[in-house]
């Protein structure tokens, strides 16, 4: 069940993230990325900053008063979260 939910969230993020190609993410995009980070088991109670790269499309996210930093990357059509 968790895999199915992760896939649905990832598809939603891919769609949302592709809707905006430059600059900061919108509030709804930040919420979607926050949910994905949490589904990966990481802490992200509040998003302080989220920026999509114009170069490679990756998303840099800072959470919990800039305590945690994450990279959210599209790898082969699947969004992957790693601790930065």
N, C-alpha and C. Protein backbone atom coordinates (compact mmCIF):
# COMPACT_ATOMS: atom_id res chain seq x y z
N UNK A 1 0.82 -1.20 0.00
CA UNK A 1 0.00 0.00 0.00
C UNK A 1 0.86 1.25 0.00
N UNK A 2 1.96 1.22 0.79
CA UNK A 2 2.84 2.39 0.86
C UNK A 2 3.46 2.68 -0.50
N UNK A 3 3.84 1.62 -1.24
CA UNK A 3 4.43 1.82 -2.57
C UNK A 3 3.44 2.46 -3.52
N UNK A 4 2.20 2.06 -3.45
CA UNK A 4 1.16 2.64 -4.31
C UNK A 4 0.99 4.11 -3.98
N UNK A 5 0.93 4.43 -2.68
CA UNK A 5 0.78 5.82 -2.27
C UNK A 5 1.99 6.64 -2.68
N UNK A 6 3.20 6.09 -2.51
CA UNK A 6 4.42 6.79 -2.94
C UNK A 6 4.38 7.07 -4.43
N UNK A 7 3.90 6.12 -5.21
CA UNK A 7 3.82 6.31 -6.66
C UNK A 7 2.84 7.42 -7.00
N UNK A 8 1.70 7.46 -6.32
CA UNK A 8 0.71 8.50 -6.58
C UNK A 8 1.26 9.86 -6.23
N UNK A 9 1.93 9.97 -5.06
CA UNK A 9 2.53 11.24 -4.65
C UNK A 9 3.62 11.65 -5.63
N UNK A 10 4.45 10.71 -6.05
CA UNK A 10 5.53 11.02 -6.98
C UNK A 10 4.99 11.52 -8.32
N UNK A 11 3.93 10.90 -8.81
CA UNK A 11 3.32 11.35 -10.05
C UNK A 11 2.78 12.77 -9.89
N UNK A 12 2.15 13.03 -8.74
CA UNK A 12 1.64 14.37 -8.47
C UNK A 12 2.75 15.40 -8.41
N UNK A 13 3.87 15.06 -7.78
CA UNK A 13 5.00 15.99 -7.70
C UNK A 13 5.59 16.21 -9.07
N UNK A 14 5.73 15.15 -9.85
CA UNK A 14 6.28 15.28 -11.19
C UNK A 14 5.42 16.22 -12.01
N UNK A 15 4.12 16.08 -11.92
CA UNK A 15 3.20 16.94 -12.66
C UNK A 15 3.29 18.38 -12.16
N UNK A 16 3.30 18.56 -10.84
CA UNK A 16 3.37 19.90 -10.27
C UNK A 16 4.71 20.54 -10.59
N UNK A 17 5.78 19.80 -10.38
CA UNK A 17 7.11 20.37 -10.58
C UNK A 17 7.34 20.75 -12.05
N UNK A 18 6.81 19.96 -12.97
CA UNK A 18 6.98 20.27 -14.38
C UNK A 18 6.15 21.48 -14.80
N UNK A 19 5.16 21.84 -14.01
CA UNK A 19 4.33 22.99 -14.33
C UNK A 19 5.10 24.30 -14.17
N UNK A 20 6.11 24.29 -13.33
CA UNK A 20 6.92 25.49 -13.10
C UNK A 20 8.37 25.14 -13.39
N UNK A 21 9.00 25.89 -14.27
CA UNK A 21 10.35 25.52 -14.67
C UNK A 21 11.42 26.45 -14.13
N UNK A 22 11.04 27.57 -13.52
CA UNK A 22 12.04 28.50 -13.02
C UNK A 22 11.70 28.97 -11.62
N UNK A 23 12.73 29.26 -10.83
CA UNK A 23 12.53 29.93 -9.56
C UNK A 23 11.99 29.07 -8.44
N UNK A 24 11.50 29.74 -7.42
CA UNK A 24 10.98 29.08 -6.23
C UNK A 24 9.72 28.29 -6.55
N UNK A 25 9.49 27.29 -5.72
CA UNK A 25 8.27 26.49 -5.86
C UNK A 25 7.11 27.23 -5.23
N UNK A 26 5.93 26.94 -5.71
CA UNK A 26 4.72 27.50 -5.11
C UNK A 26 4.45 26.80 -3.79
N UNK A 27 3.51 27.32 -3.02
CA UNK A 27 3.15 26.71 -1.75
C UNK A 27 2.68 25.27 -1.92
N UNK A 28 1.86 25.02 -2.93
CA UNK A 28 1.36 23.66 -3.14
C UNK A 28 2.47 22.71 -3.56
N UNK A 29 3.44 23.20 -4.32
CA UNK A 29 4.58 22.36 -4.70
C UNK A 29 5.43 22.04 -3.47
N UNK A 30 5.63 23.05 -2.59
CA UNK A 30 6.41 22.80 -1.37
C UNK A 30 5.71 21.78 -0.48
N UNK A 31 4.39 21.84 -0.40
CA UNK A 31 3.63 20.87 0.39
C UNK A 31 3.80 19.46 -0.17
N UNK A 32 3.75 19.33 -1.49
CA UNK A 32 3.92 18.02 -2.12
C UNK A 32 5.31 17.47 -1.88
N UNK A 33 6.33 18.31 -1.98
CA UNK A 33 7.70 17.88 -1.74
C UNK A 33 7.88 17.50 -0.26
N UNK A 34 7.27 18.26 0.64
CA UNK A 34 7.34 17.96 2.07
C UNK A 34 6.75 16.58 2.36
N UNK A 35 5.61 16.27 1.75
CA UNK A 35 4.99 14.96 1.94
C UNK A 35 5.91 13.86 1.43
N UNK A 36 6.52 14.05 0.29
CA UNK A 36 7.42 13.05 -0.27
C UNK A 36 8.61 12.82 0.67
N UNK A 37 9.18 13.90 1.19
CA UNK A 37 10.31 13.78 2.13
C UNK A 37 9.89 12.96 3.34
N UNK A 38 8.72 13.25 3.88
CA UNK A 38 8.23 12.53 5.05
C UNK A 38 7.95 11.06 4.72
N UNK A 39 7.45 10.77 3.53
CA UNK A 39 7.21 9.38 3.13
C UNK A 39 8.51 8.59 3.02
N UNK A 40 9.60 9.27 2.75
CA UNK A 40 10.91 8.62 2.73
C UNK A 40 11.46 8.41 4.13
N UNK A 41 10.72 8.87 5.15
CA UNK A 41 11.13 8.65 6.53
C UNK A 41 11.98 9.75 7.13
N UNK A 42 12.13 10.86 6.42
CA UNK A 42 12.94 11.98 6.91
C UNK A 42 12.06 12.99 7.65
N UNK A 43 12.71 13.81 8.50
CA UNK A 43 11.99 14.88 9.21
C UNK A 43 11.89 16.11 8.34
N UNK A 44 10.69 16.62 8.24
CA UNK A 44 10.46 17.89 7.57
C UNK A 44 9.12 18.41 8.05
N UNK A 45 9.14 19.01 9.25
CA UNK A 45 7.92 19.54 9.84
C UNK A 45 7.52 20.85 9.19
N UNK A 46 8.51 21.66 8.83
CA UNK A 46 8.26 22.92 8.13
C UNK A 46 9.30 23.09 7.02
N UNK A 47 8.85 23.55 5.89
CA UNK A 47 9.76 23.83 4.77
C UNK A 47 10.16 25.30 4.86
N UNK A 48 11.48 25.54 4.96
CA UNK A 48 11.98 26.91 5.01
C UNK A 48 12.31 27.45 3.62
N UNK A 49 12.69 26.56 2.73
CA UNK A 49 13.14 26.97 1.41
C UNK A 49 13.01 25.79 0.46
N UNK A 50 12.56 26.06 -0.74
CA UNK A 50 12.51 25.04 -1.78
C UNK A 50 12.74 25.72 -3.12
N UNK A 51 13.73 25.24 -3.85
CA UNK A 51 14.08 25.84 -5.13
C UNK A 51 14.35 24.73 -6.15
N UNK A 52 13.70 24.88 -7.29
CA UNK A 52 13.95 23.95 -8.39
C UNK A 52 15.07 24.51 -9.25
N UNK A 53 16.03 23.66 -9.58
CA UNK A 53 17.18 24.06 -10.38
C UNK A 53 16.77 24.25 -11.84
N UNK A 54 17.19 25.35 -12.42
CA UNK A 54 16.96 25.58 -13.85
C UNK A 54 17.85 24.67 -14.69
N UNK A 55 18.93 24.23 -14.12
CA UNK A 55 19.92 23.43 -14.86
C UNK A 55 19.46 21.99 -15.05
N UNK A 56 19.15 21.30 -13.94
CA UNK A 56 18.85 19.87 -14.04
C UNK A 56 17.46 19.49 -13.53
N UNK A 57 16.70 20.44 -13.02
CA UNK A 57 15.35 20.16 -12.56
C UNK A 57 15.26 19.60 -11.16
N UNK A 58 16.40 19.36 -10.51
CA UNK A 58 16.39 18.86 -9.14
C UNK A 58 15.85 19.93 -8.20
N UNK A 59 15.34 19.50 -7.07
CA UNK A 59 14.75 20.42 -6.10
C UNK A 59 15.58 20.37 -4.82
N UNK A 60 16.06 21.53 -4.37
CA UNK A 60 16.76 21.65 -3.10
C UNK A 60 15.77 22.13 -2.05
N UNK A 61 15.73 21.43 -0.92
CA UNK A 61 14.76 21.74 0.13
C UNK A 61 15.47 21.86 1.47
N UNK A 62 15.09 22.87 2.24
CA UNK A 62 15.60 23.07 3.59
C UNK A 62 14.41 23.03 4.54
N UNK A 63 14.54 22.23 5.63
CA UNK A 63 13.43 22.04 6.56
C UNK A 63 13.85 22.32 8.00
N UNK A 64 12.83 22.54 8.84
CA UNK A 64 12.99 22.66 10.29
C UNK A 64 14.05 23.69 10.67
N UNK A 65 13.79 24.95 10.35
CA UNK A 65 14.72 26.05 10.64
C UNK A 65 16.10 25.81 10.05
N UNK A 66 16.13 25.28 8.84
CA UNK A 66 17.35 25.00 8.09
C UNK A 66 18.24 23.96 8.76
N UNK A 67 17.65 23.10 9.59
CA UNK A 67 18.40 22.03 10.25
C UNK A 67 18.69 20.90 9.28
N UNK A 68 17.74 20.61 8.40
CA UNK A 68 17.89 19.51 7.44
C UNK A 68 17.83 20.05 6.02
N UNK A 69 18.67 19.47 5.18
CA UNK A 69 18.70 19.85 3.77
C UNK A 69 18.57 18.58 2.93
N UNK A 70 17.68 18.63 1.95
CA UNK A 70 17.41 17.46 1.12
C UNK A 70 17.55 17.78 -0.36
N UNK A 71 17.91 16.76 -1.11
CA UNK A 71 17.89 16.83 -2.57
C UNK A 71 16.75 15.94 -3.04
N UNK A 72 15.90 16.47 -3.88
CA UNK A 72 14.80 15.71 -4.47
C UNK A 72 15.07 15.66 -5.97
N UNK A 73 15.31 14.45 -6.46
CA UNK A 73 15.73 14.29 -7.85
C UNK A 73 14.83 13.33 -8.59
N UNK A 74 14.65 13.61 -9.87
CA UNK A 74 13.93 12.72 -10.77
C UNK A 74 14.97 11.76 -11.36
N UNK A 75 14.89 10.50 -10.95
CA UNK A 75 15.81 9.49 -11.46
C UNK A 75 15.01 8.45 -12.23
N UNK A 76 15.08 8.52 -13.51
CA UNK A 76 14.38 7.55 -14.35
C UNK A 76 12.87 7.61 -14.23
N UNK A 77 12.33 8.79 -13.98
CA UNK A 77 10.89 8.93 -13.85
C UNK A 77 10.36 8.73 -12.45
N UNK A 78 11.27 8.50 -11.49
CA UNK A 78 10.87 8.34 -10.09
C UNK A 78 11.57 9.39 -9.25
N UNK A 79 10.82 10.03 -8.37
CA UNK A 79 11.40 11.04 -7.50
C UNK A 79 12.05 10.36 -6.31
N UNK A 80 13.32 10.76 -6.07
CA UNK A 80 14.13 10.18 -5.01
C UNK A 80 14.57 11.29 -4.06
N UNK A 81 14.44 11.05 -2.75
CA UNK A 81 14.84 12.02 -1.74
C UNK A 81 16.11 11.52 -1.06
N UNK A 82 17.12 12.39 -0.98
CA UNK A 82 18.34 12.07 -0.25
C UNK A 82 18.68 13.21 0.69
N UNK A 83 19.29 12.86 1.81
CA UNK A 83 19.75 13.84 2.77
C UNK A 83 20.98 14.51 2.20
N UNK A 84 21.00 15.83 2.22
CA UNK A 84 22.12 16.58 1.64
C UNK A 84 23.17 16.86 2.70
